[in-house]
Protein backbone atom coordinates (compact mmCIF):
# COMPACT_ATOMS: atom_id res chain seq x y z
CA MET A 1 -0.50 -0.23 -0.18
CA ASN A 2 2.87 2.50 0.42
CA PHE A 3 4.57 1.63 -1.90
CA LEU A 4 1.43 2.64 -4.44
CA ARG A 5 1.34 6.33 -2.50
CA ILE A 6 4.93 6.92 -3.33
CA ILE A 7 4.29 5.73 -6.91
CA ALA A 8 1.59 8.00 -7.02
CA PHE A 9 2.97 10.97 -5.38
CA VAL A 10 6.39 10.42 -7.72
CA THR A 11 3.75 10.78 -10.76
CA GLY A 12 2.12 13.52 -9.44
CA LEU A 13 5.16 15.26 -8.71
CA ILE A 14 6.45 14.65 -12.06
CA LEU A 15 3.07 15.85 -13.74
CA VAL A 16 3.93 19.42 -11.67
CA LEU A 17 7.82 20.12 -12.58
CA PHE A 18 6.49 18.93 -16.79
CA LEU A 19 3.46 21.16 -16.75
CA ASN A 20 5.80 24.46 -14.97
CA LEU A 21 8.58 23.18 -17.27
CA GLY A 22 6.04 24.26 -20.56
CA ASN A 23 5.11 27.60 -18.77
CA LEU A 24 8.26 28.62 -18.41
CA THR A 25 9.84 27.42 -21.70
CA CYS A 26 7.04 29.41 -23.50
CA LYS A 27 7.84 32.41 -20.85
CA GLN A 28 11.13 32.20 -22.52
CA LYS A 29 10.13 32.07 -26.19
CA ASN A 30 7.62 35.56 -25.21
CA GLU A 31 10.73 37.06 -23.74
CA VAL A 32 12.96 36.90 -26.05
CA ARG A 33 10.92 37.71 -29.15
CA PRO A 34 12.46 41.08 -29.86
CA MET A 35 9.30 43.27 -30.64
CA VAL A 36 9.91 46.92 -31.96
CA ARG A 37 5.49 48.55 -31.19
CA VAL A 38 4.83 51.16 -34.11
CA GLU A 39 1.97 53.81 -32.64
CA LEU A 40 0.09 56.42 -34.74
CA ASP A 41 0.12 58.99 -32.33
CA VAL A 42 -3.14 60.70 -32.70
CA TYR A 43 -5.08 60.78 -29.44
CA SER A 44 -5.40 61.88 -25.79
CA GLY A 45 -7.21 59.96 -23.66
CA GLN A 46 -7.91 56.64 -25.56
CA PRO A 47 -5.09 53.99 -27.19
CA ASN A 48 -3.82 55.13 -30.35
CA PRO A 49 -3.50 52.91 -33.29
CA SER A 50 -0.81 50.61 -32.92
CA TRP A 51 0.81 47.16 -34.73
CA GLU A 52 4.00 45.42 -34.34
CA LEU A 53 7.21 45.41 -37.19
CA ALA A 54 7.60 42.58 -39.27
CA ALA A 55 11.91 41.49 -39.07
CA SER A 56 11.99 43.05 -42.45
CA ASP A 57 10.19 46.46 -41.72
CA VAL A 58 12.98 46.41 -38.62
CA ALA A 59 15.62 46.00 -41.00
CA ALA A 60 14.14 49.28 -43.35
CA VAL A 61 13.95 51.09 -40.32
CA ALA A 62 17.40 50.40 -39.47
CA SER A 63 18.35 51.85 -42.70
CA ARG A 64 16.43 54.96 -42.80
CA LEU A 65 17.99 55.77 -39.60
CA THR A 66 21.70 55.44 -40.73
CA GLY A 67 23.42 58.31 -41.93
CA LEU A 68 21.07 61.05 -40.96
CA PRO A 69 22.00 65.07 -40.57
CA ARG A 70 21.62 65.86 -36.70
CA LEU A 71 19.96 69.01 -36.14
CA THR A 72 21.51 71.61 -33.40
CA SER A 73 18.39 72.07 -31.80
CA SER A 74 14.96 70.62 -30.31
CA PRO A 75 11.53 70.41 -32.79
CA ALA A 76 8.84 71.95 -31.81
CA GLU A 77 6.81 70.22 -29.81
CA PRO A 78 3.74 68.82 -31.33
CA GLY A 79 0.02 69.98 -30.10
CA LEU A 80 -3.49 68.02 -30.36
CA GLY A 81 -4.08 65.90 -33.00
CA TYR A 82 -1.32 64.15 -34.91
CA ARG A 83 1.78 64.45 -32.83
CA GLY A 84 4.11 61.49 -35.10
CA VAL A 85 4.81 57.61 -35.50
CA VAL A 86 6.27 56.22 -32.50
CA LEU A 87 8.85 52.93 -32.80
CA LEU A 88 8.94 51.50 -29.33
CA ASN A 89 11.32 48.97 -28.60
CA PRO A 90 11.27 48.22 -24.97
CA GLN A 91 14.10 45.23 -25.29
CA GLY A 92 16.19 47.24 -26.65
CA GLN A 93 16.98 43.43 -28.51
CA VAL A 94 16.91 44.56 -32.50
CA GLY A 95 19.35 46.87 -32.67
CA LEU A 96 17.63 50.25 -33.04
CA PRO A 97 17.03 52.87 -29.86
CA LEU A 98 14.59 52.45 -27.42
CA GLU A 99 12.38 54.83 -28.78
CA ILE A 100 12.01 56.96 -31.85
CA ARG A 101 9.44 59.81 -32.20
CA VAL A 102 9.16 60.78 -36.33
CA TYR A 103 7.21 63.84 -36.64
CA ASN A 104 7.08 66.77 -39.01
CA GLY A 105 10.30 65.81 -41.14
CA THR A 106 12.34 65.21 -37.52
CA VAL A 107 13.48 62.01 -36.22
CA THR A 108 13.64 62.18 -32.21
CA VAL A 109 15.29 59.63 -31.11
CA ARG A 110 15.52 58.66 -26.88
CA GLU A 111 18.44 56.40 -25.69
CA ALA A 112 19.52 55.65 -22.11
CA SER A 113 21.71 59.09 -22.52
CA GLY A 114 19.51 60.91 -24.01
CA LEU A 115 17.65 62.56 -26.59
CA SER A 116 18.92 63.21 -30.06
CA HIS A 117 17.39 64.79 -33.21
CA TYR A 118 17.81 64.15 -36.39
CA GLN A 119 16.39 65.66 -40.26
CA ASP A 120 14.40 62.86 -41.55
CA THR A 121 16.05 63.01 -44.76
CA LYS A 122 15.32 59.03 -46.12
CA GLY A 123 11.48 59.16 -45.60
CA LEU A 124 10.91 57.21 -42.65
CA GLU A 125 7.46 59.17 -41.44
CA GLU A 126 6.20 58.92 -45.15
CA TRP A 127 6.99 54.96 -45.12
CA LEU A 128 5.52 54.71 -41.90
CA LEU A 129 2.13 56.36 -42.38
CA ALA A 130 2.12 54.17 -45.74
CA GLN A 131 2.53 51.16 -43.29
CA ALA A 132 -0.41 52.68 -40.69
CA ARG A 133 -2.52 53.14 -44.11
CA GLN A 134 -1.79 49.40 -45.36
CA ARG A 135 -3.26 48.24 -42.04
CA GLY A 136 -6.23 49.83 -42.35
CA HIS A 137 -5.84 53.31 -40.69
CA GLN A 138 -6.03 55.80 -43.49
CA LYS A 139 -9.29 57.06 -42.40
CA ILE A 140 -7.92 58.14 -38.98
CA LEU A 141 -4.86 59.60 -41.11
CA GLN A 142 -7.19 61.32 -43.86
CA GLU A 143 -9.32 63.12 -41.15
CA LEU A 144 -5.75 64.83 -39.47
CA GLY A 145 -5.09 66.08 -43.04
CA LYS A 146 -2.06 63.10 -43.69
């Protein structure tokens, strides 16, 4: 009788360990997956439209960021309505800065060390707005004159 209880206990323990190992594996897969989220910054008090960039799109963003001319002064802050497109890379895993805001021909890069401003000479803002249109946000952009 004790032998059966020991087998039942060990079997239950193995099952619990197996299930927890499966959960740990899923969490690890989610944590290491690079993700860059794009937000169309248009609303105050409501969630902004957003989407995740595919790996090929991340590479396209990175190429549009290289060699941009640095600005010597900070750009004007946007008002209400369209405030640009924000790329969020909270894990910093894909070779992009932690945050990028593209607005009115200016690329603002936020790193741990601070902000840097660049002139958008490679059309990053227009490219991101085209992505927004492809993802069904054309009506919002039309209402904002974009």
